[in-house]
């Protein structure tokens, strides 16, 4: 078989009849962020890289973890709240982990 020829094993995506929804556990138009700084139009956090490095160096394992689930009581830092969310919903969220390698 010519290596540049498409095999019969390739699935024609245009013939699939699946419907894409906004998430099995998230109804349409439901907000992800339910509690954090709702008084602003767009929630943006900016950090100086030197401050992040200082945070990393201050921690015992030289890492800092930032929340990506919007459920942390220490937002923007991760407090592990995603674990309960993942167990409840079957989701697979985890934090953004930044490490400072010496």
PDB file of N, CA and C in Angstrom:
ATOM      1  N   UNK A   1       0.839  -1.179   0.000  1.00  0.00           N
ATOM      2  CA  UNK A   1       0.000   0.000   0.000  1.00  0.00           C
ATOM      3  C   UNK A   1       0.881   1.238   0.000  1.00  0.00           C
ATOM      4  N   UNK A   2       0.499   2.236  -0.757  1.00  0.00           N
ATOM      5  CA  UNK A   2       1.225   3.495  -0.839  1.00  0.00           C
ATOM      6  C   UNK A   2       1.100   4.207   0.511  1.00  0.00           C
ATOM      7  N   UNK A   3       2.227   4.624   1.157  1.00  0.00           N
ATOM      8  CA  UNK A   3       2.156   5.251   2.479  1.00  0.00           C
ATOM      9  C   UNK A   3       1.407   6.581   2.460  1.00  0.00           C
ATOM     10  N   UNK A   4       1.172   7.161   1.302  1.00  0.00           N
ATOM     11  CA  UNK A   4       0.481   8.439   1.224  1.00  0.00           C
ATOM     12  C   UNK A   4      -1.006   8.275   0.903  1.00  0.00           C
ATOM     13  N   UNK A   5      -1.479   7.052   0.822  1.00  0.00           N
ATOM     14  CA  UNK A   5      -2.877   6.764   0.532  1.00  0.00           C
ATOM     15  C   UNK A   5      -3.627   6.574   1.838  1.00  0.00           C
ATOM     16  N   UNK A   6      -4.806   7.149   1.923  1.00  0.00           N
ATOM     17  CA  UNK A   6      -5.631   7.013   3.114  1.00  0.00           C
ATOM     18  C   UNK A   6      -6.185   5.610   3.189  1.00  0.00           C
ATOM     19  N   UNK A   7      -6.109   5.014   4.357  1.00  0.00           N
ATOM     20  CA  UNK A   7      -6.615   3.653   4.520  1.00  0.00           C
ATOM     21  C   UNK A   7      -8.111   3.674   4.803  1.00  0.00           C
ATOM     22  N   UNK A   8      -8.738   2.522   4.735  1.00  0.00           N
ATOM     23  CA  UNK A   8     -10.165   2.395   5.043  1.00  0.00           C
ATOM     24  C   UNK A   8     -10.436   2.610   6.527  1.00  0.00           C
ATOM     25  N   UNK A   9      -9.407   2.579   7.360  1.00  0.00           N
ATOM     26  CA  UNK A   9      -9.586   2.717   8.802  1.00  0.00           C
ATOM     27  C   UNK A   9      -9.881   4.155   9.210  1.00  0.00           C
ATOM     28  N   UNK A  10      -9.652   5.115   8.337  1.00  0.00           N
ATOM     29  CA  UNK A  10      -9.906   6.510   8.664  1.00  0.00           C
ATOM     30  C   UNK A  10     -11.410   6.730   8.716  1.00  0.00           C
ATOM     31  N   UNK A  11     -11.867   7.380   9.783  1.00  0.00           N
ATOM     32  CA  UNK A  11     -13.300   7.628   9.968  1.00  0.00           C
ATOM     33  C   UNK A  11     -13.653   8.974   9.358  1.00  0.00           C
ATOM     34  N   UNK A  12     -14.693   9.001   8.548  1.00  0.00           N
ATOM     35  CA  UNK A  12     -15.180  10.240   7.956  1.00  0.00           C
ATOM     36  C   UNK A  12     -15.957  10.996   9.030  1.00  0.00           C
ATOM     37  N   UNK A  13     -15.356  12.080   9.588  1.00  0.00           N
ATOM     38  CA  UNK A  13     -15.959  12.825  10.684  1.00  0.00           C
ATOM     39  C   UNK A  13     -17.272  13.502  10.282  1.00  0.00           C
ATOM     40  N   UNK A  14     -17.455  13.789   8.994  1.00  0.00           N
ATOM     41  CA  UNK A  14     -18.669  14.463   8.556  1.00  0.00           C
ATOM     42  C   UNK A  14     -19.893  13.566   8.650  1.00  0.00           C
ATOM     43  N   UNK A  15     -19.698  12.257   8.771  1.00  0.00           N
ATOM     44  CA  UNK A  15     -20.823  11.332   8.828  1.00  0.00           C
ATOM     45  C   UNK A  15     -21.207  10.948  10.250  1.00  0.00           C
ATOM     46  N   UNK A  16     -20.449  11.457  11.227  1.00  0.00           N
ATOM     47  CA  UNK A  16     -20.781  11.162  12.622  1.00  0.00           C
ATOM     48  C   UNK A  16     -21.999  11.970  13.028  1.00  0.00           C
ATOM     49  N   UNK A  17     -22.840  11.401  13.855  1.00  0.00           N
ATOM     50  CA  UNK A  17     -24.078  12.071  14.235  1.00  0.00           C
ATOM     51  C   UNK A  17     -24.091  12.476  15.706  1.00  0.00           C
ATOM     52  N   UNK A  18     -22.924  12.727  16.295  1.00  0.00           N
ATOM     53  CA  UNK A  18     -22.883  13.131  17.694  1.00  0.00           C
ATOM     54  C   UNK A  18     -23.138  14.622  17.803  1.00  0.00           C
ATOM     55  N   UNK A  19     -23.749  15.020  18.894  1.00  0.00           N
ATOM     56  CA  UNK A  19     -24.028  16.421  19.142  1.00  0.00           C
ATOM     57  C   UNK A  19     -23.068  16.911  20.208  1.00  0.00           C
ATOM     58  N   UNK A  20     -22.436  18.034  19.957  1.00  0.00           N
ATOM     59  CA  UNK A  20     -21.515  18.620  20.923  1.00  0.00           C
ATOM     60  C   UNK A  20     -22.307  19.586  21.786  1.00  0.00           C
ATOM     61  N   UNK A  21     -22.222  19.392  23.098  1.00  0.00           N
ATOM     62  CA  UNK A  21     -22.919  20.269  24.030  1.00  0.00           C
ATOM     63  C   UNK A  21     -21.903  21.088  24.791  1.00  0.00           C
ATOM     64  N   UNK A  22     -22.374  21.965  25.644  1.00  0.00           N
ATOM     65  CA  UNK A  22     -21.480  22.827  26.411  1.00  0.00           C
ATOM     66  C   UNK A  22     -20.937  22.138  27.642  1.00  0.00           C
ATOM     67  N   UNK A  23     -21.148  20.893  27.808  1.00  0.00           N
ATOM     68  CA  UNK A  23     -20.624  20.157  28.949  1.00  0.00           C
ATOM     69  C   UNK A  23     -21.731  19.382  29.628  1.00  0.00           C
ATOM     70  N   UNK A  24     -21.428  18.168  29.918  1.00  0.00           N
ATOM     71  CA  UNK A  24     -22.433  17.294  30.525  1.00  0.00           C
ATOM     72  C   UNK A  24     -22.884  17.811  31.877  1.00  0.00           C
ATOM     73  N   UNK A  25     -21.964  18.435  32.618  1.00  0.00           N
ATOM     74  CA  UNK A  25     -22.266  18.869  33.976  1.00  0.00           C
ATOM     75  C   UNK A  25     -22.499  20.367  34.080  1.00  0.00           C
ATOM     76  N   UNK A  26     -22.483  21.066  32.947  1.00  0.00           N
ATOM     77  CA  UNK A  26     -22.622  22.512  33.000  1.00  0.00           C
ATOM     78  C   UNK A  26     -23.732  22.961  32.048  1.00  0.00           C
ATOM     79  N   UNK A  27     -24.886  23.329  32.600  1.00  0.00           N
ATOM     80  CA  UNK A  27     -25.975  23.790  31.750  1.00  0.00           C
ATOM     81  C   UNK A  27     -25.571  25.040  30.962  1.00  0.00           C
ATOM     82  N   UNK A  28     -26.174  25.229  29.818  1.00  0.00           N
ATOM     83  CA  UNK A  28     -25.896  26.388  28.978  1.00  0.00           C
ATOM     84  C   UNK A  28     -26.109  27.667  29.779  1.00  0.00           C
ATOM     85  N   UNK A  29     -25.201  28.599  29.637  1.00  0.00           N
ATOM     86  CA  UNK A  29     -25.225  29.921  30.258  1.00  0.00           C
ATOM     87  C   UNK A  29     -24.938  29.905  31.752  1.00  0.00           C
ATOM     88  N   UNK A  30     -24.532  28.789  32.317  1.00  0.00           N
ATOM     89  CA  UNK A  30     -24.160  28.777  33.728  1.00  0.00           C
ATOM     90  C   UNK A  30     -22.745  29.319  33.846  1.00  0.00           C
ATOM     91  N   UNK A  31     -22.527  30.176  34.826  1.00  0.00           N
ATOM     92  CA  UNK A  31     -21.208  30.758  35.026  1.00  0.00           C
ATOM     93  C   UNK A  31     -20.281  29.764  35.720  1.00  0.00           C
ATOM     94  N   UNK A  32     -19.051  29.720  35.282  1.00  0.00           N
ATOM     95  CA  UNK A  32     -18.048  28.891  35.937  1.00  0.00           C
ATOM     96  C   UNK A  32     -17.636  29.558  37.246  1.00  0.00           C
ATOM     97  N   UNK A  33     -17.320  30.849  37.167  1.00  0.00           N
ATOM     98  CA  UNK A  33     -16.951  31.616  38.353  1.00  0.00           C
ATOM     99  C   UNK A  33     -18.232  32.080  39.039  1.00  0.00           C
ATOM    100  N   UNK A  34     -18.520  31.525  40.200  1.00  0.00           N
ATOM    101  CA  UNK A  34     -19.752  31.858  40.896  1.00  0.00           C
ATOM    102  C   UNK A  34     -19.553  32.864  42.024  1.00  0.00           C
ATOM    103  N   UNK A  35     -18.308  33.035  42.498  1.00  0.00           N
ATOM    104  CA  UNK A  35     -18.128  33.850  43.706  1.00  0.00           C
ATOM    105  C   UNK A  35     -16.945  34.814  43.675  1.00  0.00           C
ATOM    106  N   UNK A  36     -15.996  34.646  42.810  1.00  0.00           N
ATOM    107  CA  UNK A  36     -14.738  35.393  42.907  1.00  0.00           C
ATOM    108  C   UNK A  36     -14.810  36.709  42.142  1.00  0.00           C
ATOM    109  N   UNK A  37     -14.697  37.809  42.867  1.00  0.00           N
ATOM    110  CA  UNK A  37     -14.645  39.176  42.323  1.00  0.00           C
ATOM    111  C   UNK A  37     -15.668  39.400  41.210  1.00  0.00           C
ATOM    112  N   UNK A  38     -16.914  39.172  41.508  1.00  0.00           N
ATOM    113  CA  UNK A  38     -18.007  39.316  40.543  1.00  0.00           C
ATOM    114  C   UNK A  38     -18.305  40.782  40.215  1.00  0.00           C
ATOM    115  N   UNK A  39     -17.654  41.721  40.910  1.00  0.00           N
ATOM    116  CA  UNK A  39     -17.901  43.142  40.687  1.00  0.00           C
ATOM    117  C   UNK A  39     -17.136  43.705  39.490  1.00  0.00           C
ATOM    118  N   UNK A  40     -16.297  42.906  38.845  1.00  0.00           N
ATOM    119  CA  UNK A  40     -15.532  43.374  37.684  1.00  0.00           C
ATOM    120  C   UNK A  40     -16.050  42.700  36.414  1.00  0.00           C
ATOM    121  N   UNK A  41     -15.902  43.396  35.275  1.00  0.00           N
ATOM    122  CA  UNK A  41     -16.365  42.856  33.994  1.00  0.00           C
ATOM    123  C   UNK A  41     -15.562  41.646  33.551  1.00  0.00           C
ATOM    124  N   UNK A  42     -14.260  41.685  33.787  1.00  0.00           N
ATOM    125  CA  UNK A  42     -13.373  40.605  33.348  1.00  0.00           C
ATOM    126  C   UNK A  42     -12.312  40.400  34.426  1.00  0.00           C
ATOM    127  N   UNK A  43     -12.251  39.225  34.958  1.00  0.00           N
ATOM    128  CA  UNK A  43     -11.316  38.914  36.038  1.00  0.00           C
ATOM    129  C   UNK A  43      -9.948  38.570  35.451  1.00  0.00           C
ATOM    130  N   UNK A  44      -8.982  39.428  35.704  1.00  0.00           N
ATOM    131  CA  UNK A  44      -7.618  39.240  35.189  1.00  0.00           C
ATOM    132  C   UNK A  44      -6.656  39.388  36.358  1.00  0.00           C
ATOM    133  N   UNK A  45      -5.732  38.459  36.496  1.00  0.00           N
ATOM    134  CA  UNK A  45      -4.678  38.552  37.505  1.00  0.00           C
ATOM    135  C   UNK A  45      -3.346  38.637  36.785  1.00  0.00           C
ATOM    136  N   UNK A  46      -2.520  39.587  37.205  1.00  0.00           N
ATOM    137  CA  UNK A  46      -1.183  39.737  36.626  1.00  0.00           C
ATOM    138  C   UNK A  46      -0.155  39.565  37.736  1.00  0.00           C
ATOM    139  N   UNK A  47       0.923  38.863  37.408  1.00  0.00           N
ATOM    140  CA  UNK A  47       1.979  38.613  38.385  1.00  0.00           C
ATOM    141  C   UNK A  47       3.325  38.931  37.774  1.00  0.00           C
ATOM    142  N   UNK A  48       4.169  39.543  38.552  1.00  0.00           N
ATOM    143  CA  UNK A  48       5.546  39.765  38.146  1.00  0.00           C
ATOM    144  C   UNK A  48       6.287  38.446  38.321  1.00  0.00           C
ATOM    145  N   UNK A  49       7.048  38.050  37.347  1.00  0.00           N
ATOM    146  CA  UNK A  49       7.739  36.755  37.395  1.00  0.00           C
ATOM    147  C   UNK A  49       8.665  36.662  38.605  1.00  0.00           C
ATOM    148  N   UNK A  50       9.235  37.765  39.015  1.00  0.00           N
ATOM    149  CA  UNK A  50      10.110  37.751  40.202  1.00  0.00           C
ATOM    150  C   UNK A  50       9.318  37.432  41.459  1.00  0.00           C
ATOM    151  N   UNK A  51       8.070  37.921  41.531  1.00  0.00           N
ATOM    152  CA  UNK A  51       7.220  37.605  42.683  1.00  0.00           C
ATOM    153  C   UNK A  51       6.860  36.123  42.701  1.00  0.00           C
ATOM    154  N   UNK A  52       6.610  35.561  41.530  1.00  0.00           N
ATOM    155  CA  UNK A  52       6.292  34.135  41.436  1.00  0.00           C
ATOM    156  C   UNK A  52       7.506  33.314  41.865  1.00  0.00           C
ATOM    157  N   UNK A  53       8.686  33.717  41.432  1.00  0.00           N
ATOM    158  CA  UNK A  53       9.917  33.016  41.824  1.00  0.00           C
ATOM    159  C   UNK A  53      10.104  33.096  43.338  1.00  0.00           C
ATOM    160  N   UNK A  54       9.822  34.263  43.910  1.00  0.00           N
ATOM    161  CA  UNK A  54       9.926  34.434  45.364  1.00  0.00           C
ATOM    162  C   UNK A  54       8.954  33.499  46.075  1.00  0.00           C
ATOM    163  N   UNK A  55       7.714  33.395  45.553  1.00  0.00           N
ATOM    164  CA  UNK A  55       6.729  32.473  46.141  1.00  0.00           C
ATOM    165  C   UNK A  55       7.232  31.034  46.058  1.00  0.00           C
ATOM    166  N   UNK A  56       7.777  30.668  44.906  1.00  0.00           N
ATOM    167  CA  UNK A  56       8.292  29.304  44.725  1.00  0.00           C
ATOM    168  C   UNK A  56       9.396  29.017  45.722  1.00  0.00           C
ATOM    169  N   UNK A  57      10.326  29.942  45.841  1.00  0.00           N
ATOM    170  CA  UNK A  57      11.464  29.749  46.739  1.00  0.00           C
ATOM    171  C   UNK A  57      11.036  29.692  48.203  1.00  0.00           C
ATOM    172  N   UNK A  58       9.947  30.368  48.545  1.00  0.00           N
ATOM    173  CA  UNK A  58       9.468  30.380  49.923  1.00  0.00           C
ATOM    174  C   UNK A  58       8.755  29.078  50.291  1.00  0.00           C
ATOM    175  N   UNK A  59       8.261  28.359  49.296  1.00  0.00           N
ATOM    176  CA  UNK A  59       7.547  27.114  49.601  1.00  0.00           C
ATOM    177  C   UNK A  59       8.550  25.984  49.830  1.00  0.00           C
ATOM    178  N   UNK A  60       8.144  25.017  50.608  1.00  0.00           N
ATOM    179  CA  UNK A  60       9.021  23.904  50.969  1.00  0.00           C
ATOM    180  C   UNK A  60       9.470  23.108  49.745  1.00  0.00           C
ATOM    181  N   UNK A  61       8.563  22.887  48.783  1.00  0.00           N
ATOM    182  CA  UNK A  61       8.926  22.074  47.614  1.00  0.00           C
ATOM    183  C   UNK A  61       9.245  22.919  46.383  1.00  0.00           C
ATOM    184  N   UNK A  62       9.451  24.218  46.578  1.00  0.00           N
ATOM    185  CA  UNK A  62       9.853  25.141  45.510  1.00  0.00           C
ATOM    186  C   UNK A  62       8.834  25.221  44.379  1.00  0.00           C
ATOM    187  N   UNK A  63       7.544  25.095  44.730  1.00  0.00           N
ATOM    188  CA  UNK A  63       6.486  25.217  43.727  1.00  0.00           C
ATOM    189  C   UNK A  63       5.380  26.127  44.243  1.00  0.00           C
ATOM    190  N   UNK A  64       4.609  26.650  43.325  1.00  0.00           N
ATOM    191  CA  UNK A  64       3.392  27.394  43.663  1.00  0.00           C
ATOM    192  C   UNK A  64       2.310  26.889  42.702  1.00  0.00           C
ATOM    193  N   UNK A  65       1.112  26.676  43.238  1.00  0.00           N
ATOM    194  CA  UNK A  65       0.010  26.129  42.447  1.00  0.00           C
ATOM    195  C   UNK A  65      -1.109  27.152  42.352  1.00  0.00           C
ATOM    196  N   UNK A  66      -1.537  27.422  41.118  1.00  0.00           N
ATOM    197  CA  UNK A  66      -2.609  28.373  40.860  1.00  0.00           C
ATOM    198  C   UNK A  66      -3.889  27.637  40.484  1.00  0.00           C
ATOM    199  N   UNK A  67      -5.002  28.107  41.029  1.00  0.00           N
ATOM    200  CA  UNK A  67      -6.307  27.496  40.818  1.00  0.00           C
ATOM    201  C   UNK A  67      -6.765  27.662  39.368  1.00  0.00           C
ATOM    202  N   UNK A  68      -7.345  26.577  38.822  1.00  0.00           N
ATOM    203  CA  UNK A  68      -7.964  26.640  37.499  1.00  0.00           C
ATOM    204  C   UNK A  68      -9.417  26.183  37.537  1.00  0.00           C
ATOM    205  N   UNK A  69      -9.935  25.869  38.732  1.00  0.00           N
ATOM    206  CA  UNK A  69     -11.313  25.366  38.838  1.00  0.00           C
ATOM    207  C   UNK A  69     -12.281  26.430  39.341  1.00  0.00           C
ATOM    208  N   UNK A  70     -11.792  27.547  39.805  1.00  0.00           N
ATOM    209  CA  UNK A  70     -12.594  28.644  40.324  1.00  0.00           C
ATOM    210  C   UNK A  70     -13.275  28.298  41.648  1.00  0.00           C
ATOM    211  N   UNK A  71     -12.826  27.277  42.337  1.00  0.00           N
ATOM    212  CA  UNK A  71     -13.492  26.869  43.566  1.00  0.00           C
ATOM    213  C   UNK A  71     -12.616  27.077  44.810  1.00  0.00           C
ATOM    214  N   UNK A  72     -11.380  27.492  44.620  1.00  0.00           N
ATOM    215  CA  UNK A  72     -10.440  27.653  45.717  1.00  0.00           C
ATOM    216  C   UNK A  72     -10.851  28.785  46.655  1.00  0.00           C
ATOM    217  N   UNK A  73     -10.773  28.520  47.948  1.00  0.00           N
ATOM    218  CA  UNK A  73     -11.018  29.557  48.957  1.00  0.00           C
ATOM    219  C   UNK A  73      -9.808  30.489  49.070  1.00  0.00           C
ATOM    220  N   UNK A  74      -8.685  30.107  48.464  1.00  0.00           N
ATOM    221  CA  UNK A  74      -7.454  30.912  48.479  1.00  0.00           C
ATOM    222  C   UNK A  74      -7.175  31.507  47.097  1.00  0.00           C
ATOM    223  N   UNK A  75      -8.193  31.550  46.215  1.00  0.00           N
ATOM    224  CA  UNK A  75      -7.997  32.021  44.852  1.00  0.00           C
ATOM    225  C   UNK A  75      -7.202  33.318  44.835  1.00  0.00           C
ATOM    226  N   UNK A  76      -6.197  33.429  43.974  1.00  0.00           N
ATOM    227  CA  UNK A  76      -5.891  32.626  42.801  1.00  0.00           C
ATOM    228  C   UNK A  76      -5.016  31.405  43.082  1.00  0.00           C
ATOM    229  N   UNK A  77      -4.666  31.195  44.348  1.00  0.00           N
ATOM    230  CA  UNK A  77      -3.869  30.015  44.670  1.00  0.00           C
ATOM    231  C   UNK A  77      -4.776  28.795  44.835  1.00  0.00           C
ATOM    232  N   UNK A  78      -4.254  27.643  44.532  1.00  0.00           N
ATOM    233  CA  UNK A  78      -4.998  26.394  44.639  1.00  0.00           C
ATOM    234  C   UNK A  78      -5.045  25.934  46.098  1.00  0.00           C
ATOM    235  N   UNK A  79      -6.229  25.482  46.530  1.00  0.00           N
ATOM    236  CA  UNK A  79      -6.353  24.890  47.861  1.00  0.00           C
ATOM    237  C   UNK A  79      -6.805  23.433  47.794  1.00  0.00           C
ATOM    238  N   UNK A  80      -6.823  22.866  46.576  1.00  0.00           N
ATOM    239  CA  UNK A  80      -7.210  21.472  46.414  1.00  0.00           C
ATOM    240  C   UNK A  80      -8.700  21.263  46.219  1.00  0.00           C
ATOM    241  N   UNK A  81      -9.483  22.345  46.105  1.00  0.00           N
ATOM    242  CA  UNK A  81     -10.932  22.225  45.946  1.00  0.00           C
ATOM    243  C   UNK A  81     -11.320  21.449  44.698  1.00  0.00           C
ATOM    244  N   UNK A  82     -10.438  21.410  43.716  1.00  0.00           N
ATOM    245  CA  UNK A  82     -10.736  20.680  42.472  1.00  0.00           C
ATOM    246  C   UNK A  82     -10.915  19.185  42.726  1.00  0.00           C
ATOM    247  N   UNK A  83     -10.309  18.673  43.788  1.00  0.00           N
ATOM    248  CA  UNK A  83     -10.425  17.234  44.079  1.00  0.00           C
ATOM    249  C   UNK A  83     -11.873  16.824  44.343  1.00  0.00           C
ATOM    250  N   UNK A  84     -12.582  17.611  45.153  1.00  0.00           N
ATOM    251  CA  UNK A  84     -13.991  17.313  45.438  1.00  0.00           C
ATOM    252  C   UNK A  84     -14.831  17.491  44.170  1.00  0.00           C
ATOM    253  N   UNK A  85     -14.540  18.539  43.411  1.00  0.00           N
ATOM    254  CA  UNK A  85     -15.257  18.780  42.150  1.00  0.00           C
ATOM    255  C   UNK A  85     -15.066  17.605  41.198  1.00  0.00           C
ATOM    256  N   UNK A  86     -13.834  17.158  41.049  1.00  0.00           N
ATOM    257  CA  UNK A  86     -13.546  16.041  40.146  1.00  0.00           C
ATOM    258  C   UNK A  86     -14.280  14.776  40.579  1.00  0.00           C
ATOM    259  N   UNK A  87     -14.301  14.523  41.881  1.00  0.00           N
ATOM    260  CA  UNK A  87     -14.974  13.330  42.382  1.00  0.00           C
ATOM    261  C   UNK A  87     -16.479  13.425  42.137  1.00  0.00           C
ATOM    262  N   UNK A  88     -17.037  14.609  42.342  1.00  0.00           N
ATOM    263  CA  UNK A  88     -18.475  14.820  42.182  1.00  0.00           C
ATOM    264  C   UNK A  88     -18.918  14.746  40.718  1.00  0.00           C
ATOM    265  N   UNK A  89     -18.102  15.277  39.815  1.00  0.00           N
ATOM    266  CA  UNK A  89     -18.532  15.440  38.424  1.00  0.00           C
ATOM    267  C   UNK A  89     -17.856  14.504  37.435  1.00  0.00           C
ATOM    268  N   UNK A  90     -16.765  13.870  37.843  1.00  0.00           N
ATOM    269  CA  UNK A  90     -16.004  13.056  36.896  1.00  0.00           C
ATOM    270  C   UNK A  90     -15.072  13.893  36.040  1.00  0.00           C
ATOM    271  N   UNK A  91     -14.923  15.169  36.382  1.00  0.00           N
ATOM    272  CA  UNK A  91     -14.026  16.062  35.645  1.00  0.00           C
ATOM    273  C   UNK A  91     -12.579  15.711  35.980  1.00  0.00           C
ATOM    274  N   UNK A  92     -11.634  16.370  35.337  1.00  0.00           N
ATOM    275  CA  UNK A  92     -10.219  16.076  35.580  1.00  0.00           C
ATOM    276  C   UNK A  92      -9.393  17.342  35.788  1.00  0.00           C
ATOM    277  N   UNK A  93      -9.983  18.354  36.395  1.00  0.00           N
ATOM    278  CA  UNK A  93      -9.280  19.620  36.620  1.00  0.00           C
ATOM    279  C   UNK A  93      -8.132  19.475  37.597  1.00  0.00           C
ATOM    280  N   UNK A  94      -7.136  20.286  37.407  1.00  0.00           N
ATOM    281  CA  UNK A  94      -6.007  20.369  38.322  1.00  0.00           C
ATOM    282  C   UNK A  94      -5.409  21.752  38.241  1.00  0.00           C
ATOM    283  N   UNK A  95      -4.504  22.088  39.130  1.00  0.00           N
ATOM    284  CA  UNK A  95      -3.935  23.426  39.165  1.00  0.00           C
ATOM    285  C   UNK A  95      -2.850  23.638  38.121  1.00  0.00           C
ATOM    286  N   UNK A  96      -2.517  24.891  37.910  1.00  0.00           N
ATOM    287  CA  UNK A  96      -1.319  25.265  37.172  1.00  0.00           C
ATOM    288  C   UNK A  96      -0.199  25.264  38.208  1.00  0.00           C
ATOM    289  N   UNK A  97       0.779  24.406  38.049  1.00  0.00           N
ATOM    290  CA  UNK A  97       1.877  24.281  39.005  1.00  0.00           C
ATOM    291  C   UNK A  97       3.145  24.860  38.388  1.00  0.00           C
ATOM    292  N   UNK A  98       3.717  25.850  39.086  1.00  0.00           N
ATOM    293  CA  UNK A  98       4.962  26.478  38.620  1.00  0.00           C
ATOM    294  C   UNK A  98       6.068  26.097  39.584  1.00  0.00           C
ATOM    295  N   UNK A  99       7.174  25.640  39.020  1.00  0.00           N
ATOM    296  CA  UNK A  99       8.320  25.186  39.807  1.00  0.00           C
ATOM    297  C   UNK A  99       9.532  26.040  39.460  1.00  0.00           C
ATOM    298  N   UNK A 100      10.320  26.370  40.467  1.00  0.00           N
ATOM    299  CA  UNK A 100      11.570  27.082  40.250  1.00  0.00           C
ATOM    300  C   UNK A 100      12.706  26.105  40.425  1.00  0.00           C
ATOM    301  N   UNK A 101      13.287  25.705  39.323  1.00  0.00           N
ATOM    302  CA  UNK A 101      14.424  24.781  39.379  1.00  0.00           C
ATOM    303  C   UNK A 101      15.684  25.569  39.688  1.00  0.00           C
ATOM    304  N   UNK A 102      16.457  25.100  40.647  1.00  0.00           N
ATOM    305  CA  UNK A 102      17.695  25.844  41.012  1.00  0.00           C
ATOM    306  C   UNK A 102      18.730  25.812  39.908  1.00  0.00           C
TER     307      UNK A 102
END
